[in-house]
Amino acid sequence: MYLIRNGKVEFSGTKHAIVEYIKESYEDDYYVQEYWDQLEKDLNRLKFVVSGLNLKLTERKPRRKNA
């Protein structure tokens, strides 16, 4: 899975690794704190928190626009 910000990969890894990255990097964010325990178990909560952080979660690596 990939965490995308502004069309670029910010982080890639398993769902567990992405959850750990979000918890470490964005621990001060309200939604991360609010749904801390649910991020690993509930994919919809994870997607909600990711979108709130202005990120996107995808299975595919984004294509380069100027390739």
Protein backbone atom coordinates (compact mmCIF):
# COMPACT_ATOMS: atom_id res chain seq x y z
CA MET A 1 0.00 0.00 0.00
CA TYR A 2 1.07 3.56 -0.64
CA LEU A 3 0.44 6.82 1.19
CA ILE A 4 0.30 9.58 -1.40
CA ARG A 5 0.63 13.34 -0.86
CA ASN A 6 0.40 15.71 -3.83
CA GLY A 7 0.89 12.85 -6.30
CA LYS A 8 4.09 11.62 -4.65
CA VAL A 9 4.68 8.61 -2.43
CA GLU A 10 5.19 9.73 1.16
CA PHE A 11 5.39 6.20 2.57
CA SER A 12 4.87 2.64 1.36
CA GLY A 13 4.48 -0.63 3.18
CA THR A 14 1.95 -3.01 4.65
CA LYS A 15 -1.24 -1.75 6.26
CA HIS A 16 0.35 -2.29 9.67
CA ALA A 17 3.48 -0.33 8.69
CA ILE A 18 1.35 2.53 7.34
CA VAL A 19 -0.69 2.68 10.56
CA GLU A 20 2.53 2.78 12.60
CA TYR A 21 3.93 5.52 10.35
CA ILE A 22 0.76 7.61 10.74
CA LYS A 23 0.76 7.15 14.51
CA GLU A 24 4.41 8.19 14.74
CA SER A 25 4.39 11.05 12.24
CA TYR A 26 0.98 12.55 12.96
CA GLU A 27 0.49 11.72 16.64
CA ASP A 28 -0.53 15.32 17.42
CA ASP A 29 -3.42 15.28 14.93
CA TYR A 30 -6.86 15.20 16.55
CA TYR A 31 -8.26 12.42 14.37
CA VAL A 32 -5.20 10.23 14.83
CA GLN A 33 -5.59 10.58 18.60
CA GLU A 34 -9.36 10.07 18.46
CA TYR A 35 -9.23 6.86 16.39
CA TRP A 36 -5.82 5.60 17.56
CA ASP A 37 -7.06 2.14 18.59
CA GLN A 38 -9.33 1.71 15.56
CA LEU A 39 -6.81 2.47 12.80
CA GLU A 40 -5.45 -1.07 12.66
CA LYS A 41 -8.83 -2.82 12.82
CA ASP A 42 -11.15 -0.59 10.77
CA LEU A 43 -10.15 0.20 7.18
CA ASN A 44 -12.88 2.85 6.87
CA ARG A 45 -11.55 4.71 9.93
CA LEU A 46 -8.05 4.51 8.49
CA LYS A 47 -9.21 5.96 5.18
CA PHE A 48 -11.11 8.71 7.04
CA VAL A 49 -8.04 9.69 9.06
CA VAL A 50 -5.79 9.51 5.98
CA SER A 51 -8.10 11.82 4.03
CA GLY A 52 -8.20 14.20 7.00
CA LEU A 53 -4.41 14.38 6.84
CA ASN A 54 -4.66 15.36 3.16
CA LEU A 55 -3.20 12.02 2.10
CA LYS A 56 -4.46 9.24 -0.14
CA LEU A 57 -4.18 5.50 0.44
CA THR A 58 -3.79 3.32 -2.67
CA GLU A 59 -2.74 -0.14 -3.69
CA ARG A 60 -0.96 1.13 -6.80
CA LYS A 61 2.05 3.36 -7.08
CA PRO A 62 1.11 6.64 -8.74
CA ARG A 63 2.34 7.26 -12.25
CA ARG A 64 4.68 10.11 -12.92
CA LYS A 65 3.00 12.92 -14.81
CA ASN A 66 6.10 14.09 -16.69
CA ALA A 67 7.55 10.74 -17.61
